[in-house]
Amino acid sequence: MKWREMDTETRYQIIEMAMSGKAKPGELCKNFGMSRQTLHRAIERAKEAVRESLAPGPAGRRPRPESELTIKDLQ
């Protein structure tokens, strides 16, 4: 099965195995039919997503969308 055909959970498990050292990247690439470049790119994208999710965001609640405003809010 190619990388493009894999579901999200399978991709996550492959990346987790590579990052935790449970399997060597070369073995994963061979077993799942992907290039090392694809695996390394996926690992870097996963790391970047983690960094972004841990970045501090704005304080407080998000403003309500205009579609949810009531007549009272508009007066």
Protein backbone atom coordinates (compact mmCIF):
# COMPACT_ATOMS: atom_id res chain seq x y z
CA MET A 1 0.00 0.00 0.00
CA LYS A 2 1.40 3.38 -0.99
CA TRP A 3 1.62 6.37 1.34
CA ARG A 4 -1.15 8.20 -0.52
CA GLU A 5 -3.48 5.24 -0.08
CA MET A 6 -2.92 4.89 3.68
CA ASP A 7 -5.43 6.19 6.19
CA THR A 8 -4.45 8.70 8.85
CA GLU A 9 -4.14 6.14 11.65
CA THR A 10 -1.74 3.96 9.65
CA ARG A 11 0.40 6.97 8.77
CA TYR A 12 0.47 8.01 12.43
CA GLN A 13 1.56 4.54 13.52
CA ILE A 14 4.38 4.46 10.98
CA ILE A 15 5.64 7.89 12.07
CA GLU A 16 5.38 6.89 15.73
CA MET A 17 7.38 3.69 15.12
CA ALA A 18 10.09 5.65 13.32
CA MET A 19 10.31 8.39 15.95
CA SER A 20 10.27 6.03 18.94
CA GLY A 21 12.93 3.75 17.49
CA LYS A 22 10.66 0.68 17.49
CA ALA A 23 11.60 0.14 13.86
CA LYS A 24 14.38 1.43 11.66
CA PRO A 25 13.34 3.92 8.99
CA GLY A 26 14.83 1.72 6.27
CA GLU A 27 12.75 -1.25 7.39
CA LEU A 28 9.58 0.83 7.50
CA CYS A 29 10.21 2.17 4.00
CA LYS A 30 10.82 -1.31 2.66
CA ASN A 31 7.82 -2.87 4.41
CA PHE A 32 5.38 -0.13 3.46
CA GLY A 33 6.76 0.62 0.00
CA MET A 34 7.70 4.24 0.52
CA SER A 35 10.80 6.28 -0.08
CA ARG A 36 13.00 7.49 2.76
CA GLN A 37 12.32 11.03 1.59
CA THR A 38 8.56 10.52 2.05
CA LEU A 39 9.04 9.14 5.54
CA HIS A 40 11.42 11.90 6.62
CA ARG A 41 9.13 14.57 5.18
CA ALA A 42 6.18 13.07 7.11
CA ILE A 43 8.19 13.02 10.34
CA GLU A 44 9.17 16.67 9.90
CA ARG A 45 5.57 17.65 9.17
CA ALA A 46 4.43 15.81 12.32
CA LYS A 47 7.07 17.57 14.43
CA GLU A 48 6.03 20.95 12.99
CA ALA A 49 2.36 20.22 13.77
CA VAL A 50 3.30 19.43 17.38
CA ARG A 51 5.30 22.66 17.67
CA GLU A 52 2.38 24.70 16.29
CA SER A 53 -0.11 23.05 18.63
CA LEU A 54 2.04 23.95 21.65
CA ALA A 55 2.53 27.59 20.69
CA PRO A 56 0.73 30.03 22.96
CA GLY A 57 -2.45 31.45 21.54
CA PRO A 58 -4.45 34.56 22.30
CA ALA A 59 -5.97 34.74 25.76
CA GLY A 60 -9.70 34.63 26.33
CA ARG A 61 -12.61 33.27 24.41
CA ARG A 62 -12.91 33.41 20.69
CA PRO A 63 -15.33 36.05 19.44
CA ARG A 64 -18.68 34.74 18.29
CA PRO A 65 -19.15 34.60 14.53
CA GLU A 66 -21.49 37.21 13.09
CA SER A 67 -23.87 34.46 12.05
CA GLU A 68 -24.50 33.68 15.75
CA LEU A 69 -25.18 37.25 16.86
CA THR A 70 -28.69 37.88 18.09
CA ILE A 71 -30.87 40.93 17.60
CA LYS A 72 -30.09 42.02 21.18
CA ASP A 73 -26.36 41.93 20.42
CA LEU A 74 -26.86 44.08 17.33
CA GLN A 75 -28.89 46.84 19.10
